[in-house]
Amino acid sequence: MAFAGRLFLFLDTEPNHSSLEARLTAIFAPTLEFMGYEVVRVAVLGRQNPTVQIMIDRADGAAIAVEDCETVSYQVSTMLQVDDPMPGPWTLEVSSPGIDRPLTRSKDWVRFAGHLARAETVFPVDGRKRFAGIVLGADENVARLRLDDGKEVALPLADIRRAKLVLTDALIDATTQSPLPN
């Protein structure tokens, strides 16, 4: 679904709200939370005709259905048309995070402890930026992985560029036989 809009970008000096993704999230996340959804990730792809991708979870832990995506898409598109944060036409995509989902919040790292993940950091940790290993959990500051050599690494959450679960039989079994706790 494509929508046209005009741009009123405000330069925000607060580091937590400086990205376009953060500004967009600030517009709709409180309403989605009230509706029973959690925002997993927001990404803006492209410049000329950007695509706004939003991944959502249900707060009650139930699986995301097509109807959930439709509901969220309608609500978010309405809010973005009113707030008008991007120039020109744009496309909105709303989806579930999927089985091999991104790990964007500390609660995701806790929820998927025991599963294989890959992560990349902005700055080197122990001399490297790319990691693969078993998720051990997280607190409000760091996510932990056990690497193949048995060594544990603590990755500062603020410095994780991207992290994602790896699709394995164990992950498929865990998500299809019984929903993972939220």
N, C-alpha and C. Protein backbone atom coordinates (compact mmCIF):
# COMPACT_ATOMS: atom_id res chain seq x y z
N MET A 1 0.85 -1.16 0.00
CA MET A 1 0.00 0.00 0.00
C MET A 1 0.90 1.23 0.00
N ALA A 2 0.76 2.16 -0.91
CA ALA A 2 1.59 3.34 -0.98
C ALA A 2 0.80 4.57 -0.54
N PHE A 3 1.48 5.47 0.12
CA PHE A 3 0.86 6.70 0.60
C PHE A 3 1.76 7.86 0.24
N ALA A 4 1.17 8.98 -0.06
CA ALA A 4 1.95 10.18 -0.33
C ALA A 4 1.95 11.04 0.93
N GLY A 5 3.04 11.72 1.16
CA GLY A 5 3.13 12.57 2.34
C GLY A 5 4.12 13.69 2.10
N ARG A 6 4.12 14.70 2.96
CA ARG A 6 5.07 15.80 2.89
C ARG A 6 6.01 15.70 4.07
N LEU A 7 7.16 16.33 3.96
CA LEU A 7 8.21 16.19 4.97
C LEU A 7 8.28 17.39 5.89
N PHE A 8 8.25 17.13 7.17
CA PHE A 8 8.60 18.08 8.21
C PHE A 8 9.52 17.32 9.15
N LEU A 9 10.80 17.17 8.78
CA LEU A 9 11.76 16.46 9.62
C LEU A 9 12.34 17.46 10.60
N PHE A 10 12.30 17.10 11.86
CA PHE A 10 12.86 17.95 12.90
C PHE A 10 14.19 17.35 13.31
N LEU A 11 15.22 18.17 13.33
CA LEU A 11 16.52 17.70 13.78
C LEU A 11 16.46 17.57 15.29
N ASP A 12 16.57 16.37 15.76
CA ASP A 12 16.46 16.07 17.17
C ASP A 12 17.87 15.82 17.69
N THR A 13 18.27 16.56 18.71
CA THR A 13 19.62 16.41 19.23
C THR A 13 19.74 15.29 20.26
N GLU A 14 18.63 14.72 20.67
CA GLU A 14 18.69 13.60 21.61
C GLU A 14 19.11 12.35 20.84
N PRO A 15 20.18 11.66 21.28
CA PRO A 15 20.68 10.51 20.53
C PRO A 15 19.65 9.39 20.40
N ASN A 16 18.77 9.22 21.36
CA ASN A 16 17.81 8.12 21.31
C ASN A 16 16.74 8.34 20.25
N HIS A 17 16.56 9.58 19.81
CA HIS A 17 15.47 9.86 18.88
C HIS A 17 15.96 10.51 17.59
N SER A 18 17.23 10.33 17.26
CA SER A 18 17.78 11.04 16.12
C SER A 18 17.53 10.34 14.79
N SER A 19 17.30 9.04 14.79
CA SER A 19 17.10 8.36 13.51
C SER A 19 15.64 8.49 13.07
N LEU A 20 15.46 8.39 11.77
CA LEU A 20 14.10 8.43 11.24
C LEU A 20 13.28 7.29 11.82
N GLU A 21 13.89 6.11 11.95
CA GLU A 21 13.18 4.96 12.53
C GLU A 21 12.70 5.27 13.94
N ALA A 22 13.54 5.92 14.75
CA ALA A 22 13.15 6.26 16.12
C ALA A 22 12.02 7.27 16.13
N ARG A 23 12.07 8.25 15.24
CA ARG A 23 10.98 9.25 15.18
C ARG A 23 9.67 8.60 14.74
N LEU A 24 9.74 7.70 13.75
CA LEU A 24 8.53 7.01 13.31
C LEU A 24 7.96 6.15 14.44
N THR A 25 8.84 5.42 15.11
CA THR A 25 8.40 4.56 16.21
C THR A 25 7.72 5.39 17.30
N ALA A 26 8.27 6.55 17.60
CA ALA A 26 7.67 7.42 18.62
C ALA A 26 6.26 7.84 18.24
N ILE A 27 5.98 7.93 16.95
CA ILE A 27 4.65 8.34 16.50
C ILE A 27 3.62 7.25 16.78
N PHE A 28 3.95 5.99 16.48
CA PHE A 28 2.90 4.96 16.55
C PHE A 28 3.05 3.92 17.65
N ALA A 29 4.21 3.75 18.24
CA ALA A 29 4.40 2.68 19.24
C ALA A 29 3.44 2.77 20.43
N PRO A 30 3.22 3.95 21.02
CA PRO A 30 2.29 4.00 22.16
C PRO A 30 0.88 3.51 21.81
N THR A 31 0.40 3.87 20.64
CA THR A 31 -0.93 3.43 20.21
C THR A 31 -0.96 1.92 19.99
N LEU A 32 0.09 1.39 19.34
CA LEU A 32 0.14 -0.06 19.10
C LEU A 32 0.22 -0.82 20.42
N GLU A 33 0.97 -0.30 21.38
CA GLU A 33 1.03 -0.95 22.69
C GLU A 33 -0.34 -0.97 23.34
N PHE A 34 -1.08 0.13 23.24
CA PHE A 34 -2.44 0.18 23.78
C PHE A 34 -3.34 -0.85 23.09
N MET A 35 -3.08 -1.10 21.80
CA MET A 35 -3.87 -2.07 21.03
C MET A 35 -3.45 -3.52 21.30
N GLY A 36 -2.37 -3.71 22.07
CA GLY A 36 -1.93 -5.06 22.40
C GLY A 36 -0.81 -5.60 21.52
N TYR A 37 -0.05 -4.71 20.89
CA TYR A 37 1.06 -5.11 20.03
C TYR A 37 2.37 -4.53 20.57
N GLU A 38 3.46 -5.19 20.23
CA GLU A 38 4.79 -4.70 20.55
C GLU A 38 5.55 -4.50 19.25
N VAL A 39 6.26 -3.40 19.16
CA VAL A 39 7.09 -3.12 17.99
C VAL A 39 8.42 -3.83 18.18
N VAL A 40 8.75 -4.74 17.26
CA VAL A 40 10.01 -5.47 17.32
C VAL A 40 11.09 -4.70 16.60
N ARG A 41 10.77 -4.19 15.41
CA ARG A 41 11.75 -3.46 14.62
C ARG A 41 11.06 -2.55 13.64
N VAL A 42 11.67 -1.41 13.39
CA VAL A 42 11.23 -0.48 12.35
C VAL A 42 12.45 -0.21 11.47
N ALA A 43 12.29 -0.36 10.17
CA ALA A 43 13.37 -0.07 9.22
C ALA A 43 12.80 0.75 8.08
N VAL A 44 13.57 1.74 7.64
CA VAL A 44 13.20 2.52 6.47
C VAL A 44 14.23 2.20 5.40
N LEU A 45 13.75 1.64 4.29
CA LEU A 45 14.63 1.19 3.21
C LEU A 45 14.38 2.03 1.97
N GLY A 46 15.45 2.49 1.36
CA GLY A 46 15.34 3.29 0.15
C GLY A 46 15.22 4.77 0.46
N ARG A 47 15.51 5.58 -0.56
CA ARG A 47 15.46 7.03 -0.37
C ARG A 47 14.40 7.69 -1.24
N GLN A 48 14.34 7.33 -2.51
CA GLN A 48 13.43 7.98 -3.45
C GLN A 48 11.97 7.70 -3.09
N ASN A 49 11.62 6.44 -2.99
CA ASN A 49 10.29 6.00 -2.58
C ASN A 49 10.48 4.99 -1.44
N PRO A 50 10.72 5.48 -0.22
CA PRO A 50 11.10 4.58 0.87
C PRO A 50 10.00 3.59 1.26
N THR A 51 10.45 2.46 1.75
CA THR A 51 9.56 1.45 2.31
C THR A 51 9.77 1.45 3.82
N VAL A 52 8.69 1.62 4.57
CA VAL A 52 8.75 1.55 6.03
C VAL A 52 8.33 0.14 6.41
N GLN A 53 9.27 -0.62 6.96
CA GLN A 53 8.98 -1.99 7.40
C GLN A 53 8.81 -2.00 8.91
N ILE A 54 7.71 -2.57 9.36
CA ILE A 54 7.43 -2.67 10.79
C ILE A 54 7.19 -4.13 11.11
N MET A 55 7.94 -4.65 12.08
CA MET A 55 7.72 -6.01 12.58
C MET A 55 7.07 -5.90 13.95
N ILE A 56 6.01 -6.69 14.13
CA ILE A 56 5.25 -6.63 15.38
C ILE A 56 5.11 -8.00 16.01
N ASP A 57 4.93 -7.99 17.30
CA ASP A 57 4.54 -9.16 18.09
C ASP A 57 3.25 -8.81 18.80
N ARG A 58 2.50 -9.82 19.16
CA ARG A 58 1.34 -9.59 20.01
C ARG A 58 1.82 -9.61 21.46
N ALA A 59 1.33 -8.70 22.26
CA ALA A 59 1.74 -8.62 23.66
C ALA A 59 1.33 -9.86 24.44
N ASP A 60 0.25 -10.53 24.00
CA ASP A 60 -0.22 -11.73 24.71
C ASP A 60 0.54 -12.99 24.30
N GLY A 61 1.50 -12.86 23.38
CA GLY A 61 2.32 -14.00 22.97
C GLY A 61 1.71 -14.85 21.87
N ALA A 62 0.48 -14.56 21.46
CA ALA A 62 -0.16 -15.32 20.38
C ALA A 62 0.54 -15.02 19.05
N ALA A 63 0.37 -15.92 18.11
CA ALA A 63 0.97 -15.74 16.78
C ALA A 63 0.32 -14.56 16.07
N ILE A 64 1.10 -13.89 15.26
CA ILE A 64 0.59 -12.79 14.44
C ILE A 64 -0.18 -13.38 13.26
N ALA A 65 -1.37 -12.88 13.04
CA ALA A 65 -2.22 -13.30 11.92
C ALA A 65 -2.26 -12.17 10.89
N VAL A 66 -2.70 -12.51 9.70
CA VAL A 66 -2.83 -11.51 8.63
C VAL A 66 -3.71 -10.36 9.10
N GLU A 67 -4.76 -10.68 9.84
CA GLU A 67 -5.66 -9.63 10.33
C GLU A 67 -4.94 -8.65 11.27
N ASP A 68 -3.99 -9.16 12.05
CA ASP A 68 -3.20 -8.27 12.92
C ASP A 68 -2.41 -7.29 12.06
N CYS A 69 -1.78 -7.79 11.02
CA CYS A 69 -0.99 -6.93 10.13
C CYS A 69 -1.87 -5.90 9.45
N GLU A 70 -3.06 -6.30 9.03
CA GLU A 70 -4.00 -5.36 8.41
C GLU A 70 -4.41 -4.26 9.39
N THR A 71 -4.73 -4.64 10.61
CA THR A 71 -5.15 -3.69 11.64
C THR A 71 -4.03 -2.69 11.93
N VAL A 72 -2.83 -3.19 12.12
CA VAL A 72 -1.69 -2.33 12.42
C VAL A 72 -1.37 -1.44 11.23
N SER A 73 -1.41 -2.00 10.03
CA SER A 73 -1.13 -1.22 8.83
C SER A 73 -2.09 -0.05 8.70
N TYR A 74 -3.36 -0.29 8.89
CA TYR A 74 -4.37 0.77 8.80
C TYR A 74 -4.09 1.86 9.85
N GLN A 75 -3.85 1.44 11.08
CA GLN A 75 -3.63 2.39 12.17
C GLN A 75 -2.37 3.22 11.93
N VAL A 76 -1.26 2.54 11.60
CA VAL A 76 0.01 3.24 11.40
C VAL A 76 -0.05 4.17 10.19
N SER A 77 -0.63 3.71 9.09
CA SER A 77 -0.69 4.56 7.89
C SER A 77 -1.49 5.82 8.17
N THR A 78 -2.55 5.70 8.95
CA THR A 78 -3.34 6.88 9.31
C THR A 78 -2.51 7.84 10.14
N MET A 79 -1.79 7.33 11.13
CA MET A 79 -0.98 8.20 11.98
C MET A 79 0.15 8.86 11.19
N LEU A 80 0.78 8.11 10.29
CA LEU A 80 1.88 8.67 9.52
C LEU A 80 1.38 9.71 8.50
N GLN A 81 0.17 9.54 8.00
CA GLN A 81 -0.38 10.55 7.10
C GLN A 81 -0.67 11.84 7.86
N VAL A 82 -1.13 11.72 9.09
CA VAL A 82 -1.43 12.91 9.90
C VAL A 82 -0.13 13.61 10.31
N ASP A 83 0.84 12.86 10.81
CA ASP A 83 2.10 13.44 11.27
C ASP A 83 3.01 13.84 10.12
N ASP A 84 2.87 13.17 8.98
CA ASP A 84 3.57 13.52 7.75
C ASP A 84 5.09 13.64 7.90
N PRO A 85 5.77 12.57 8.39
CA PRO A 85 7.20 12.67 8.67
C PRO A 85 8.15 12.41 7.50
N MET A 86 7.63 12.04 6.32
CA MET A 86 8.51 11.71 5.18
C MET A 86 8.03 12.39 3.91
N PRO A 87 8.98 12.81 3.07
CA PRO A 87 8.60 13.47 1.82
C PRO A 87 8.13 12.47 0.76
N GLY A 88 7.22 12.91 -0.07
CA GLY A 88 6.83 12.10 -1.23
C GLY A 88 6.14 10.80 -0.89
N PRO A 89 6.02 9.93 -1.89
CA PRO A 89 5.35 8.64 -1.68
C PRO A 89 6.22 7.68 -0.88
N TRP A 90 5.58 6.83 -0.14
CA TRP A 90 6.26 5.79 0.63
C TRP A 90 5.36 4.58 0.71
N THR A 91 5.95 3.45 1.03
CA THR A 91 5.21 2.19 1.14
C THR A 91 5.34 1.67 2.56
N LEU A 92 4.27 1.12 3.07
CA LEU A 92 4.27 0.57 4.42
C LEU A 92 4.13 -0.95 4.34
N GLU A 93 5.00 -1.67 5.06
CA GLU A 93 4.93 -3.12 5.17
C GLU A 93 4.88 -3.48 6.65
N VAL A 94 3.89 -4.26 7.04
CA VAL A 94 3.76 -4.71 8.42
C VAL A 94 3.80 -6.23 8.39
N SER A 95 4.62 -6.82 9.27
CA SER A 95 4.75 -8.27 9.29
C SER A 95 5.10 -8.76 10.69
N SER A 96 5.02 -10.07 10.83
CA SER A 96 5.54 -10.71 12.04
C SER A 96 7.05 -10.80 11.87
N PRO A 97 7.80 -11.00 12.95
CA PRO A 97 9.24 -11.13 12.82
C PRO A 97 9.67 -12.45 12.20
N GLY A 98 8.79 -13.45 12.14
CA GLY A 98 9.13 -14.74 11.58
C GLY A 98 9.88 -15.61 12.58
N ILE A 99 10.16 -16.83 12.17
CA ILE A 99 10.85 -17.76 13.07
C ILE A 99 12.29 -17.34 13.29
N ASP A 100 13.00 -17.01 12.22
CA ASP A 100 14.40 -16.59 12.35
C ASP A 100 14.47 -15.07 12.50
N ARG A 101 13.81 -14.61 13.50
CA ARG A 101 13.56 -13.20 13.77
C ARG A 101 14.80 -12.43 14.20
N PRO A 102 14.74 -11.10 14.03
CA PRO A 102 15.81 -10.28 14.57
C PRO A 102 15.70 -10.21 16.10
N LEU A 103 16.82 -10.06 16.75
CA LEU A 103 16.87 -9.89 18.20
C LEU A 103 17.17 -8.41 18.44
N THR A 104 16.15 -7.64 18.76
CA THR A 104 16.30 -6.20 18.86
C THR A 104 16.17 -5.67 20.28
N ARG A 105 15.56 -6.45 21.16
CA ARG A 105 15.31 -6.00 22.53
C ARG A 105 15.93 -7.00 23.50
N SER A 106 16.24 -6.56 24.70
CA SER A 106 16.82 -7.49 25.68
C SER A 106 15.86 -8.63 25.95
N LYS A 107 14.55 -8.37 25.94
CA LYS A 107 13.58 -9.44 26.19
C LYS A 107 13.61 -10.52 25.10
N ASP A 108 13.99 -10.15 23.86
CA ASP A 108 14.14 -11.15 22.79
C ASP A 108 15.31 -12.09 23.11
N TRP A 109 16.40 -11.52 23.61
CA TRP A 109 17.58 -12.31 23.97
C TRP A 109 17.26 -13.26 25.12
N VAL A 110 16.42 -12.83 26.03
CA VAL A 110 16.01 -13.69 27.16
C VAL A 110 15.05 -14.77 26.65
N ARG A 111 14.08 -14.37 25.86
CA ARG A 111 13.06 -15.29 25.35
C ARG A 111 13.66 -16.43 24.53
N PHE A 112 14.70 -16.15 23.75
CA PHE A 112 15.26 -17.14 22.84
C PHE A 112 16.58 -17.72 23.34
N ALA A 113 16.80 -17.66 24.66
CA ALA A 113 17.99 -18.28 25.24
C ALA A 113 18.00 -19.77 24.88
N GLY A 114 19.18 -20.26 24.51
CA GLY A 114 19.32 -21.65 24.13
C GLY A 114 19.31 -21.88 22.63
N HIS A 115 18.98 -20.85 21.86
CA HIS A 115 18.93 -20.98 20.40
C HIS A 115 20.14 -20.30 19.75
N LEU A 116 20.46 -20.73 18.55
CA LEU A 116 21.59 -20.21 17.80
C LEU A 116 21.26 -18.86 17.19
N ALA A 117 22.21 -17.91 17.27
CA ALA A 117 22.02 -16.58 16.70
C ALA A 117 23.32 -16.07 16.12
N ARG A 118 23.19 -15.10 15.24
CA ARG A 118 24.34 -14.37 14.68
C ARG A 118 24.14 -12.90 15.05
N ALA A 119 25.25 -12.25 15.36
CA ALA A 119 25.19 -10.83 15.72
C ALA A 119 26.38 -10.10 15.12
N GLU A 120 26.17 -8.83 14.85
CA GLU A 120 27.23 -7.96 14.37
C GLU A 120 27.18 -6.68 15.19
N THR A 121 28.35 -6.24 15.65
CA THR A 121 28.41 -5.03 16.46
C THR A 121 28.99 -3.87 15.65
N VAL A 122 28.71 -2.67 16.09
CA VAL A 122 29.24 -1.47 15.47
C VAL A 122 30.74 -1.36 15.75
N PHE A 123 31.11 -1.63 17.00
CA PHE A 123 32.50 -1.55 17.43
C PHE A 123 33.00 -2.94 17.79
N PRO A 124 34.28 -3.21 17.63
CA PRO A 124 34.82 -4.53 17.97
C PRO A 124 34.65 -4.85 19.46
N VAL A 125 34.34 -6.11 19.71
CA VAL A 125 34.29 -6.66 21.07
C VAL A 125 35.28 -7.82 21.05
N ASP A 126 36.25 -7.79 21.92
CA ASP A 126 37.31 -8.81 21.93
C ASP A 126 37.96 -8.95 20.55
N GLY A 127 38.13 -7.81 19.86
CA GLY A 127 38.84 -7.80 18.59
C GLY A 127 38.03 -8.21 17.37
N ARG A 128 36.72 -8.37 17.51
CA ARG A 128 35.91 -8.75 16.34
C ARG A 128 34.54 -8.10 16.40
N LYS A 129 33.87 -8.09 15.24
CA LYS A 129 32.55 -7.48 15.13
C LYS A 129 31.44 -8.49 14.84
N ARG A 130 31.79 -9.67 14.35
CA ARG A 130 30.79 -10.68 13.98
C ARG A 130 30.88 -11.87 14.92
N PHE A 131 29.70 -12.34 15.35
CA PHE A 131 29.63 -13.42 16.32
C PHE A 131 28.52 -14.39 15.95
N ALA A 132 28.72 -15.65 16.26
CA ALA A 132 27.68 -16.67 16.13
C ALA A 132 27.80 -17.57 17.34
N GLY A 133 26.66 -17.89 17.92
CA GLY A 133 26.69 -18.76 19.09
C GLY A 133 25.32 -18.95 19.68
N ILE A 134 25.30 -19.60 20.83
CA ILE A 134 24.06 -19.88 21.54
C ILE A 134 23.69 -18.68 22.41
N VAL A 135 22.46 -18.23 22.29
CA VAL A 135 21.96 -17.11 23.08
C VAL A 135 21.90 -17.53 24.54
N LEU A 136 22.51 -16.73 25.41
CA LEU A 136 22.49 -17.01 26.84
C LEU A 136 21.56 -16.09 27.61
N GLY A 137 21.09 -15.03 26.96
CA GLY A 137 20.19 -14.09 27.62
C GLY A 137 20.74 -12.68 27.53
N ALA A 138 20.16 -11.79 28.33
CA ALA A 138 20.56 -10.39 28.32
C ALA A 138 20.04 -9.70 29.57
N ASP A 139 20.64 -8.56 29.84
CA ASP A 139 20.08 -7.66 30.83
C ASP A 139 19.83 -6.34 30.12
N GLU A 140 19.65 -5.25 30.83
CA GLU A 140 19.32 -4.00 30.15
C GLU A 140 20.49 -3.41 29.37
N ASN A 141 21.72 -3.92 29.60
CA ASN A 141 22.89 -3.34 28.94
C ASN A 141 23.59 -4.25 27.93
N VAL A 142 23.63 -5.55 28.18
CA VAL A 142 24.38 -6.46 27.32
C VAL A 142 23.60 -7.72 27.00
N ALA A 143 23.89 -8.26 25.80
CA ALA A 143 23.37 -9.57 25.40
C ALA A 143 24.55 -10.53 25.46
N ARG A 144 24.26 -11.79 25.80
CA ARG A 144 25.34 -12.76 25.95
C ARG A 144 25.16 -13.93 24.99
N LEU A 145 26.30 -14.35 24.42
CA LEU A 145 26.36 -15.51 23.52
C LEU A 145 27.46 -16.46 24.00
N ARG A 146 27.24 -17.76 23.83
CA ARG A 146 28.30 -18.75 24.01
C ARG A 146 28.76 -19.14 22.62
N LEU A 147 30.01 -18.83 22.32
CA LEU A 147 30.58 -19.09 21.00
C LEU A 147 30.92 -20.57 20.85
N ASP A 148 31.24 -20.98 19.62
CA ASP A 148 31.56 -22.38 19.33
C ASP A 148 32.72 -22.91 20.17
N ASP A 149 33.67 -22.05 20.50
CA ASP A 149 34.83 -22.49 21.29
C ASP A 149 34.53 -22.56 22.79
N GLY A 150 33.25 -22.31 23.18
CA GLY A 150 32.86 -22.38 24.58
C GLY A 150 32.99 -21.07 25.32
N LYS A 151 33.67 -20.10 24.71
CA LYS A 151 33.86 -18.80 25.33
C LYS A 151 32.54 -18.01 25.31
N GLU A 152 32.28 -17.28 26.39
CA GLU A 152 31.11 -16.42 26.44
C GLU A 152 31.52 -14.99 26.12
N VAL A 153 30.65 -14.29 25.40
CA VAL A 153 30.91 -12.90 25.05
C VAL A 153 29.70 -12.06 25.44
N ALA A 154 29.98 -10.86 25.96
CA ALA A 154 28.93 -9.90 26.31
C ALA A 154 28.95 -8.78 25.28
N LEU A 155 27.85 -8.62 24.57
CA LEU A 155 27.74 -7.61 23.52
C LEU A 155 26.89 -6.45 24.03
N PRO A 156 27.44 -5.25 24.08
CA PRO A 156 26.63 -4.10 24.51
C PRO A 156 25.42 -3.92 23.58
N LEU A 157 24.23 -3.93 24.13
CA LEU A 157 23.01 -3.82 23.32
C LEU A 157 23.02 -2.56 22.46
N ALA A 158 23.52 -1.47 23.00
CA ALA A 158 23.54 -0.21 22.25
C ALA A 158 24.48 -0.27 21.04
N ASP A 159 25.42 -1.23 21.04
CA ASP A 159 26.38 -1.33 19.96
C ASP A 159 26.09 -2.46 18.98
N ILE A 160 24.96 -3.14 19.13
CA ILE A 160 24.62 -4.22 18.21
C ILE A 160 24.00 -3.62 16.95
N ARG A 161 24.66 -3.82 15.84
CA ARG A 161 24.16 -3.32 14.55
C ARG A 161 22.98 -4.16 14.08
N ARG A 162 23.15 -5.48 14.20
CA ARG A 162 22.07 -6.40 13.84
C ARG A 162 22.32 -7.73 14.55
N ALA A 163 21.24 -8.39 14.87
CA ALA A 163 21.32 -9.73 15.47
C ALA A 163 20.07 -10.48 15.03
N LYS A 164 20.26 -11.78 14.78
CA LYS A 164 19.15 -12.56 14.23
C LYS A 164 19.29 -14.01 14.65
N LEU A 165 18.16 -14.65 14.92
CA LEU A 165 18.17 -16.08 15.18
C LEU A 165 18.52 -16.81 13.90
N VAL A 166 19.16 -17.96 14.04
CA VAL A 166 19.49 -18.81 12.90
C VAL A 166 18.43 -19.91 12.84
N LEU A 167 17.88 -20.12 11.67
CA LEU A 167 16.85 -21.14 11.49
C LEU A 167 17.47 -22.53 11.67
N THR A 168 17.04 -23.22 12.70
CA THR A 168 17.51 -24.58 12.99
C THR A 168 16.30 -25.46 13.26
N ASP A 169 16.51 -26.77 13.23
CA ASP A 169 15.42 -27.69 13.56
C ASP A 169 14.92 -27.45 14.98
N ALA A 170 15.84 -27.17 15.91
CA ALA A 170 15.45 -26.93 17.30
C ALA A 170 14.56 -25.70 17.42
N LEU A 171 14.87 -24.64 16.68
CA LEU A 171 14.05 -23.43 16.71
C LEU A 171 12.68 -23.71 16.10
N ILE A 172 12.64 -24.42 14.99
CA ILE A 172 11.36 -24.78 14.36
C ILE A 172 10.52 -25.61 15.33
N ASP A 173 11.13 -26.62 15.95
CA ASP A 173 10.41 -27.45 16.91
C ASP A 173 9.87 -26.62 18.08
N ALA A 174 10.69 -25.72 18.59
CA ALA A 174 10.28 -24.90 19.74
C ALA A 174 9.12 -23.98 19.39
N THR A 175 9.07 -23.47 18.18
CA THR A 175 8.03 -22.51 17.82
C THR A 175 6.77 -23.18 17.27
N THR A 176 6.88 -24.41 16.77
CA THR A 176 5.68 -25.06 16.21
C THR A 176 4.97 -25.94 17.22
N GLN A 177 5.69 -26.50 18.17
CA GLN A 177 5.04 -27.42 19.12
C GLN A 177 4.35 -26.66 20.25
N SER A 178 4.97 -25.63 20.73
CA SER A 178 4.33 -24.81 21.76
C SER A 178 4.91 -23.41 21.63
N PRO A 179 4.03 -22.41 21.72
CA PRO A 179 4.54 -21.05 21.59
C PRO A 179 5.57 -20.76 22.67
N LEU A 180 6.63 -20.05 22.30
CA LEU A 180 7.63 -19.64 23.27
C LEU A 180 7.02 -18.58 24.17
N PRO A 181 7.38 -18.56 25.45
CA PRO A 181 6.83 -17.54 26.33
C PRO A 181 7.26 -16.16 25.89
N ASN A 182 6.40 -15.19 26.09
CA ASN A 182 6.70 -13.82 25.69
C ASN A 182 7.41 -13.08 26.76
